[in-house]
Amino acid sequence: QLQLVESGGGLVQAGGSLRLSCAASIRTFNVYFIAWFRQAPGKEREFVARIAHIGGATWYADSVNDRFTISRDDDKNTVYLQMDSLKPEDAAVYYCAARHIDSSTYDYWGQGTQVSVSS
């Protein structure tokens, strides 16, 4: 059973940076797409970024493109989300999720990590 644990959240001033980590508890990490989602209070959960299992192709939501960078280190079973030029509207609970290459849904989710951005 794949387990995901996020870390790296915190409080940062607008314009600052944070790096989130998503550590996986499985060796066959490289057969999963990994994505970051976020949910702000009173809002629906939204997609932030995704990285492919092989080759590292990435996708981003328009709202974070050019400010956030997703990367993965399969030797460490970890995916990162580097967040730069943070805005107050980026504040949310950030979740990482995994989708097996044979699946069409994100079946594994972490517990989330809080990101707060002060203006």
Protein backbone atom coordinates (compact mmCIF):
# COMPACT_ATOMS: atom_id res chain seq x y z
CA GLN A 1 0.00 0.00 0.00
CA LEU A 2 1.47 3.30 -1.09
CA GLN A 3 1.59 5.98 1.59
CA LEU A 4 2.43 9.61 0.95
CA VAL A 5 3.68 12.10 3.50
CA GLU A 6 3.92 15.80 2.74
CA SER A 7 6.18 18.26 4.53
CA GLY A 8 7.60 21.72 4.09
CA GLY A 9 4.54 23.88 4.60
CA GLY A 10 4.59 26.99 6.72
CA LEU A 11 4.06 30.73 6.84
CA VAL A 12 5.83 32.94 4.35
CA GLN A 13 5.50 36.55 3.25
CA ALA A 14 4.15 37.37 -0.18
CA GLY A 15 6.95 37.13 -2.72
CA GLY A 16 8.74 34.47 -0.70
CA SER A 17 9.42 30.82 -1.42
CA LEU A 18 8.70 27.41 0.05
CA ARG A 19 9.60 23.90 -1.03
CA LEU A 20 7.15 21.12 -0.33
CA SER A 21 8.18 17.48 -0.25
CA CYS A 22 6.11 14.37 -0.81
CA ALA A 23 7.77 11.19 0.40
CA ALA A 24 6.43 7.81 -0.73
CA SER A 25 6.64 4.55 1.18
CA ILE A 26 7.10 2.26 -1.80
CA ARG A 27 10.11 1.27 -3.87
CA THR A 28 8.25 1.10 -7.19
CA PHE A 29 7.73 4.84 -7.07
CA ASN A 30 8.59 5.28 -10.71
CA VAL A 31 5.35 3.67 -11.92
CA TYR A 32 3.25 6.49 -10.50
CA PHE A 33 2.26 9.88 -11.76
CA ILE A 34 2.50 12.29 -8.86
CA ALA A 35 0.47 15.46 -8.57
CA TRP A 36 -0.01 18.33 -6.18
CA PHE A 37 -3.45 19.67 -5.39
CA ARG A 38 -4.52 22.39 -3.00
CA GLN A 39 -7.64 23.39 -1.18
CA ALA A 40 -8.30 26.78 0.38
CA PRO A 41 -11.05 27.31 2.98
CA GLY A 42 -14.45 27.44 1.34
CA LYS A 43 -13.09 26.45 -2.05
CA GLU A 44 -12.94 23.23 -4.01
CA ARG A 45 -9.74 21.28 -4.28
CA GLU A 46 -7.80 22.29 -7.39
CA PHE A 47 -5.00 20.84 -9.43
CA VAL A 48 -1.63 22.54 -9.09
CA ALA A 49 1.01 20.47 -10.89
CA ARG A 50 1.78 16.96 -12.10
CA ILE A 51 4.90 15.01 -13.06
CA ALA A 52 5.02 11.88 -15.18
CA HIS A 53 6.46 8.58 -14.01
CA ILE A 54 9.15 8.39 -16.66
CA GLY A 55 10.87 11.24 -18.38
CA GLY A 56 9.64 13.80 -15.92
CA ALA A 57 7.14 15.58 -18.18
CA THR A 58 5.32 18.22 -16.17
CA TRP A 59 2.00 20.04 -16.27
CA TYR A 60 0.93 23.12 -14.32
CA ALA A 61 -2.20 25.03 -13.56
CA ASP A 62 -2.20 28.42 -15.27
CA SER A 63 -2.32 30.14 -11.90
CA VAL A 64 1.09 28.75 -10.85
CA ASN A 65 2.86 28.37 -14.18
CA ASP A 66 6.28 30.09 -14.17
CA ARG A 67 6.22 30.35 -10.36
CA PHE A 68 6.05 26.72 -9.22
CA THR A 69 8.31 23.84 -10.25
CA ILE A 70 7.55 20.17 -9.69
CA SER A 71 10.37 17.64 -9.70
CA ARG A 72 11.00 14.09 -8.56
CA ASP A 73 13.88 12.07 -7.18
CA ASP A 74 13.02 8.42 -7.67
CA ASP A 75 16.13 7.32 -5.75
CA LYS A 76 14.64 9.04 -2.71
CA ASN A 77 11.01 8.23 -3.57
CA THR A 78 10.26 11.92 -3.21
CA VAL A 79 8.51 14.58 -5.26
CA TYR A 80 9.10 18.26 -4.64
CA LEU A 81 7.10 21.39 -5.32
CA GLN A 82 9.25 24.50 -5.38
CA MET A 83 7.00 27.51 -4.92
CA ASP A 84 8.43 30.94 -5.70
CA SER A 85 6.87 34.41 -5.82
CA LEU A 86 4.12 33.25 -3.51
CA LYS A 87 0.90 35.21 -3.41
CA PRO A 88 -1.76 35.40 -0.70
CA GLU A 89 -4.08 33.47 -3.01
CA ASP A 90 -1.64 30.52 -2.94
CA ALA A 91 -2.51 29.92 0.72
CA ALA A 92 -4.14 26.51 1.11
CA VAL A 93 -3.63 22.99 2.33
CA TYR A 94 -1.43 21.27 -0.25
CA TYR A 95 -1.85 17.58 -0.93
CA CYS A 96 0.23 15.22 -2.99
CA ALA A 97 -1.47 12.36 -4.78
CA ALA A 98 -0.35 9.34 -6.76
CA ARG A 99 -1.86 7.68 -9.78
CA HIS A 100 -0.55 4.33 -10.96
CA ILE A 101 0.24 4.21 -14.67
CA ASP A 102 -2.55 1.64 -15.12
CA SER A 103 -5.12 3.72 -13.30
CA SER A 104 -7.21 6.71 -14.36
CA THR A 105 -7.68 8.11 -10.88
CA TYR A 106 -5.51 9.40 -8.06
CA ASP A 107 -6.01 6.61 -5.56
CA TYR A 108 -3.41 7.62 -2.96
CA TRP A 109 -3.34 10.86 -1.05
CA GLY A 110 -1.22 12.40 1.64
CA GLN A 111 -2.54 14.11 4.74
CA GLY A 112 -1.74 17.61 3.48
CA THR A 113 0.52 20.41 4.57
CA GLN A 114 -0.59 23.97 5.30
CA VAL A 115 0.84 26.87 3.33
CA SER A 116 0.06 30.37 4.59
CA VAL A 117 1.08 33.54 2.79
CA SER A 118 0.96 36.92 4.50
CA SER A 119 0.47 40.08 2.48
